[in-house]
Protein backbone atom coordinates (compact mmCIF):
# COMPACT_ATOMS: atom_id res chain seq x y z
CA MET A 1 82.27 115.61 123.35
CA SER A 2 79.63 112.85 123.35
CA GLU A 3 78.67 113.74 119.77
CA THR A 4 82.26 113.19 118.68
CA VAL A 5 82.38 109.78 120.34
CA GLY A 6 79.11 108.82 118.68
CA ILE A 7 80.35 109.90 115.26
CA VAL A 8 83.62 108.02 115.73
CA LEU A 9 81.72 104.86 116.72
CA ILE A 10 79.44 105.13 113.68
CA VAL A 11 82.44 105.62 111.39
CA LEU A 12 84.19 102.60 112.93
CA VAL A 13 81.11 100.42 112.47
CA VAL A 14 80.73 101.51 108.84
CA LEU A 15 84.44 100.88 108.15
CA THR A 16 84.22 97.45 109.76
CA LEU A 17 81.25 96.54 107.57
CA LEU A 18 83.01 97.78 104.43
CA VAL A 19 86.18 95.83 105.20
CA SER A 20 84.21 92.66 105.85
CA LEU A 21 82.34 93.11 102.55
CA LEU A 22 85.63 93.50 100.69
CA ILE A 23 87.34 90.52 102.33
CA LYS A 24 84.49 88.00 101.92
CA PRO A 25 84.83 87.67 98.09
CA PHE A 26 88.53 86.87 98.56
CA PHE A 27 87.68 83.90 100.77
CA VAL A 28 85.03 82.69 98.31
CA PHE A 29 87.56 82.92 95.46
CA LYS A 30 90.19 81.12 97.56
CA LYS A 31 87.71 78.32 98.36
CA LEU A 32 86.83 78.01 94.66
CA VAL A 33 90.50 77.74 93.67
CA VAL A 34 91.26 75.13 96.35
CA LYS A 35 88.21 73.03 95.45
CA SER A 36 89.12 73.25 91.76
CA GLY A 37 92.61 72.00 92.58
CA VAL A 38 91.13 69.06 94.48
CA GLY A 39 88.82 68.35 91.53
CA ILE A 40 91.72 68.36 89.08
CA ALA A 41 93.69 66.00 91.31
CA LEU A 42 90.73 63.63 91.63
CA LEU A 43 90.12 63.65 87.88
CA PHE A 44 93.80 62.98 87.16
CA LEU A 45 93.77 60.06 89.59
CA PHE A 46 90.51 58.68 88.19
CA ASN A 47 91.68 59.06 84.58
CA TYR A 48 94.96 57.32 85.40
CA VAL A 49 93.19 54.34 86.95
CA GLY A 50 90.32 54.46 84.44
CA GLY A 51 92.78 54.54 81.57
CA LEU A 52 93.73 50.98 82.43
CA VAL A 53 90.22 49.88 81.46
CA SER A 54 89.70 52.57 78.76
CA PHE A 55 87.28 54.69 80.80
CA THR A 56 88.13 58.37 81.34
CA LEU A 57 86.30 61.54 82.25
CA PRO A 58 86.79 64.80 80.33
CA PHE A 59 88.48 67.83 81.88
CA ASN A 60 86.24 70.90 81.70
CA PRO A 61 85.09 73.47 84.27
CA ILE A 62 81.89 71.57 85.07
CA THR A 63 83.61 68.24 85.79
CA VAL A 64 86.44 69.89 87.73
CA LEU A 65 84.04 71.85 89.97
CA THR A 66 81.74 68.85 90.42
CA ALA A 67 84.66 66.67 91.46
CA GLY A 68 86.08 69.42 93.66
CA PHE A 69 82.92 70.36 95.53
CA LEU A 70 81.46 66.87 95.89
CA GLY A 71 84.69 64.86 96.15
CA ILE A 72 84.43 61.08 95.66
CA PRO A 73 80.61 61.18 95.31
CA GLY A 74 81.12 63.77 92.57
CA ILE A 75 83.46 61.43 90.71
CA MET A 76 80.89 58.65 91.09
CA LEU A 77 78.17 60.96 89.73
CA LEU A 78 80.31 61.93 86.74
CA THR A 79 81.13 58.28 86.11
CA TYR A 80 77.45 57.37 86.17
CA LEU A 81 76.54 60.22 83.82
CA GLN A 82 79.37 59.23 81.46
CA TYR A 83 78.13 55.63 81.55
CA LEU A 84 74.58 56.76 80.72
CA ALA A 85 75.84 58.90 77.84
CA LYS A 86 77.52 55.93 76.12
């Protein structure tokens, strides 16, 4: 009887670990999609305002992720790098 309980506990622990390993990539992907959406919104807003003075930032995966993960400081970094490139 005690062997059966031990085996059931081991199986439950292994299943719990497997489920957590399968769910974690979903949350990472969800976070990446949300941050990318924020980055796109920030770039659209910046390009709208920057278009008034003829200064825009390109849309590509690097700029979108930089703006998404860093937020306003990311936009400032991209602006500075764009300024240095000109």
